[in-house]
Amino acid sequence: MKVIAAYLLGALGGNASPTAEDLKAILSSVGAEADNEKIELLLSQVKGKDLAELIAAGREMIASVPSGGGGVAVAAGGGGGAAAAAVAEAKEEKKVEEKEESEEEFGFDLFG
């Protein structure tokens, strides 16, 4: 991921076609190690392709991947808005409980 991020930073910085040396410079500027194999693989796969088209294709791929949440969809489908509201309320209560527990662990409230 860091190689892809470096490529995107290079491209967004005005370099339409970042080279391996550009990516290595970006990675080293933040103290990350550059993996030559990953850099060469990425550059071979994006060579001659438009960045906007690559991002659009990636979005399509990600959109087809299930991301969970099936329980909420089932509850909302069966009970309408009331069921969805109940699920949201239960999640909020859990968050509040977790926050209280974490504050108790340290013996103080960071925000109070």
C-alpha atoms as a PDB file:
ATOM      1  CA  MET A   1       0.000   0.000   0.000  1.00  0.00           C
ATOM      2  CA  LYS A   2       2.812   2.427   0.753  1.00  0.00           C
ATOM      3  CA  VAL A   3       4.139   2.061  -2.810  1.00  0.00           C
ATOM      4  CA  ILE A   4       0.691   2.825  -4.209  1.00  0.00           C
ATOM      5  CA  ALA A   5       0.356   5.794  -1.861  1.00  0.00           C
ATOM      6  CA  ALA A   6       3.764   7.086  -2.976  1.00  0.00           C
ATOM      7  CA  TYR A   7       2.711   6.738  -6.622  1.00  0.00           C
ATOM      8  CA  LEU A   8      -0.512   8.650  -5.966  1.00  0.00           C
ATOM      9  CA  LEU A   9       1.359  11.371  -4.083  1.00  0.00           C
ATOM     10  CA  GLY A  10       3.804  11.707  -6.966  1.00  0.00           C
ATOM     11  CA  ALA A  11       0.990  11.898  -9.506  1.00  0.00           C
ATOM     12  CA  LEU A  12      -1.042  14.356  -7.446  1.00  0.00           C
ATOM     13  CA  GLY A  13       2.096  16.454  -6.993  1.00  0.00           C
ATOM     14  CA  GLY A  14       2.157  17.134 -10.727  1.00  0.00           C
ATOM     15  CA  ASN A  15       4.265  14.242 -12.037  1.00  0.00           C
ATOM     16  CA  ALA A  16       1.940  12.410 -14.433  1.00  0.00           C
ATOM     17  CA  SER A  17       4.251   9.396 -14.583  1.00  0.00           C
ATOM     18  CA  PRO A  18       6.362   8.953 -11.428  1.00  0.00           C
ATOM     19  CA  THR A  19       9.499   6.825 -11.859  1.00  0.00           C
ATOM     20  CA  ALA A  20      10.992   4.278  -9.482  1.00  0.00           C
ATOM     21  CA  GLU A  21      13.448   6.916  -8.276  1.00  0.00           C
ATOM     22  CA  ASP A  22      10.566   9.329  -7.596  1.00  0.00           C
ATOM     23  CA  LEU A  23       8.779   6.699  -5.523  1.00  0.00           C
ATOM     24  CA  LYS A  24      11.939   5.846  -3.608  1.00  0.00           C
ATOM     25  CA  ALA A  25      12.469   9.536  -2.834  1.00  0.00           C
ATOM     26  CA  ILE A  26       8.898   9.916  -1.580  1.00  0.00           C
ATOM     27  CA  LEU A  27       9.150   6.813   0.591  1.00  0.00           C
ATOM     28  CA  SER A  28      12.523   7.759   2.028  1.00  0.00           C
ATOM     29  CA  SER A  29      11.251  11.263   2.860  1.00  0.00           C
ATOM     30  CA  VAL A  30       8.900   9.699   5.422  1.00  0.00           C
ATOM     31  CA  GLY A  31      11.341   7.072   6.650  1.00  0.00           C
ATOM     32  CA  ALA A  32       9.755   4.118   4.824  1.00  0.00           C
ATOM     33  CA  GLU A  33      11.780   1.421   3.136  1.00  0.00           C
ATOM     34  CA  ALA A  34      11.427   1.101  -0.626  1.00  0.00           C
ATOM     35  CA  ASP A  35      10.812  -2.428  -1.921  1.00  0.00           C
ATOM     36  CA  ASN A  36      12.243  -2.475  -5.457  1.00  0.00           C
ATOM     37  CA  GLU A  37      10.178  -5.500  -6.520  1.00  0.00           C
ATOM     38  CA  LYS A  38       6.888  -3.902  -5.477  1.00  0.00           C
ATOM     39  CA  ILE A  39       7.838  -0.615  -7.109  1.00  0.00           C
ATOM     40  CA  GLU A  40       8.715  -2.300 -10.398  1.00  0.00           C
ATOM     41  CA  LEU A  41       5.515  -4.396 -10.294  1.00  0.00           C
ATOM     42  CA  LEU A  42       3.361  -1.322  -9.732  1.00  0.00           C
ATOM     43  CA  LEU A  43       5.089   0.696 -12.448  1.00  0.00           C
ATOM     44  CA  SER A  44       4.726  -2.157 -14.947  1.00  0.00           C
ATOM     45  CA  GLN A  45       0.999  -2.400 -14.223  1.00  0.00           C
ATOM     46  CA  VAL A  46       0.245   1.327 -14.488  1.00  0.00           C
ATOM     47  CA  LYS A  47       2.521   2.120 -17.418  1.00  0.00           C
ATOM     48  CA  GLY A  48       0.633   4.036 -20.095  1.00  0.00           C
ATOM     49  CA  LYS A  49      -2.612   4.169 -18.098  1.00  0.00           C
ATOM     50  CA  ASP A  50      -4.476   7.266 -16.950  1.00  0.00           C
ATOM     51  CA  LEU A  51      -4.620   7.706 -13.162  1.00  0.00           C
ATOM     52  CA  ALA A  52      -8.300   8.725 -13.192  1.00  0.00           C
ATOM     53  CA  GLU A  53      -9.184   5.564 -15.143  1.00  0.00           C
ATOM     54  CA  LEU A  54      -7.192   3.409 -12.699  1.00  0.00           C
ATOM     55  CA  ILE A  55      -9.015   4.939  -9.743  1.00  0.00           C
ATOM     56  CA  ALA A  56     -12.407   4.440 -11.425  1.00  0.00           C
ATOM     57  CA  ALA A  57     -11.591   0.795 -12.157  1.00  0.00           C
ATOM     58  CA  GLY A  58     -10.491   0.320  -8.549  1.00  0.00           C
ATOM     59  CA  ARG A  59     -13.738   1.794  -7.254  1.00  0.00           C
ATOM     60  CA  GLU A  60     -15.718  -0.658  -9.373  1.00  0.00           C
ATOM     61  CA  MET A  61     -13.689  -3.555  -7.975  1.00  0.00           C
ATOM     62  CA  ILE A  62     -14.159  -2.390  -4.383  1.00  0.00           C
ATOM     63  CA  ALA A  63     -17.889  -1.847  -4.903  1.00  0.00           C
ATOM     64  CA  SER A  64     -18.308  -5.523  -5.795  1.00  0.00           C
ATOM     65  CA  VAL A  65     -16.643  -6.726  -2.579  1.00  0.00           C
ATOM     66  CA  PRO A  66     -19.044  -7.529   0.273  1.00  0.00           C
ATOM     67  CA  SER A  67     -18.278  -5.354   3.266  1.00  0.00           C
ATOM     68  CA  GLY A  68     -20.449  -6.885   5.970  1.00  0.00           C
ATOM     69  CA  GLY A  69     -23.395  -5.206   7.576  1.00  0.00           C
ATOM     70  CA  GLY A  70     -25.738  -8.057   6.658  1.00  0.00           C
ATOM     71  CA  GLY A  71     -27.376  -8.009  10.078  1.00  0.00           C
ATOM     72  CA  VAL A  72     -28.394  -4.400   9.730  1.00  0.00           C
ATOM     73  CA  ALA A  73     -29.797  -4.953   6.244  1.00  0.00           C
ATOM     74  CA  VAL A  74     -31.869  -7.910   7.453  1.00  0.00           C
ATOM     75  CA  ALA A  75     -33.175  -6.019  10.463  1.00  0.00           C
ATOM     76  CA  ALA A  76     -33.979  -2.937   8.415  1.00  0.00           C
ATOM     77  CA  GLY A  77     -35.670  -4.993   5.708  1.00  0.00           C
ATOM     78  CA  GLY A  78     -37.933  -6.828   8.130  1.00  0.00           C
ATOM     79  CA  GLY A  79     -38.955  -4.019  10.423  1.00  0.00           C
ATOM     80  CA  GLY A  80     -38.580  -0.884   8.381  1.00  0.00           C
ATOM     81  CA  GLY A  81     -37.281   2.320   9.927  1.00  0.00           C
ATOM     82  CA  ALA A  82     -38.036   1.315  13.504  1.00  0.00           C
ATOM     83  CA  ALA A  83     -35.710  -1.695  13.334  1.00  0.00           C
ATOM     84  CA  ALA A  84     -32.910   0.391  11.832  1.00  0.00           C
ATOM     85  CA  ALA A  85     -33.361   2.993  14.561  1.00  0.00           C
ATOM     86  CA  ALA A  86     -33.204   0.273  17.226  1.00  0.00           C
ATOM     87  CA  VAL A  87     -29.976  -1.097  15.769  1.00  0.00           C
ATOM     88  CA  ALA A  88     -28.448   2.390  15.662  1.00  0.00           C
ATOM     89  CA  GLU A  89     -29.512   3.031  19.264  1.00  0.00           C
ATOM     90  CA  ALA A  90     -27.969  -0.274  20.406  1.00  0.00           C
ATOM     91  CA  LYS A  91     -24.693   0.618  18.700  1.00  0.00           C
ATOM     92  CA  GLU A  92     -24.672   4.040  20.378  1.00  0.00           C
ATOM     93  CA  GLU A  93     -25.256   2.471  23.793  1.00  0.00           C
ATOM     94  CA  LYS A  94     -22.361   0.072  23.212  1.00  0.00           C
ATOM     95  CA  LYS A  95     -20.074   2.990  22.293  1.00  0.00           C
ATOM     96  CA  VAL A  96     -21.020   4.822  25.485  1.00  0.00           C
ATOM     97  CA  GLU A  97     -20.338   1.696  27.570  1.00  0.00           C
ATOM     98  CA  GLU A  98     -16.953   1.180  25.901  1.00  0.00           C
ATOM     99  CA  LYS A  99     -16.011   4.816  26.546  1.00  0.00           C
ATOM    100  CA  GLU A 100     -16.948   4.550  30.203  1.00  0.00           C
ATOM    101  CA  GLU A 101     -14.941   1.326  30.570  1.00  0.00           C
ATOM    102  CA  SER A 102     -11.864   2.848  28.954  1.00  0.00           C
ATOM    103  CA  GLU A 103     -12.056   5.886  31.239  1.00  0.00           C
ATOM    104  CA  GLU A 104     -12.265   3.595  34.264  1.00  0.00           C
ATOM    105  CA  GLU A 105      -9.146   1.726  33.194  1.00  0.00           C
ATOM    106  CA  PHE A 106      -6.999   4.837  33.528  1.00  0.00           C
ATOM    107  CA  GLY A 107      -8.752   6.354  36.492  1.00  0.00           C
ATOM    108  CA  PHE A 108      -9.540   9.678  34.839  1.00  0.00           C
ATOM    109  CA  ASP A 109     -11.691  11.248  32.142  1.00  0.00           C
ATOM    110  CA  LEU A 110      -9.744  12.869  29.311  1.00  0.00           C
ATOM    111  CA  PHE A 111     -12.674  15.018  28.202  1.00  0.00           C
ATOM    112  CA  GLY A 112     -14.350  15.955  31.432  1.00  0.00           C
END
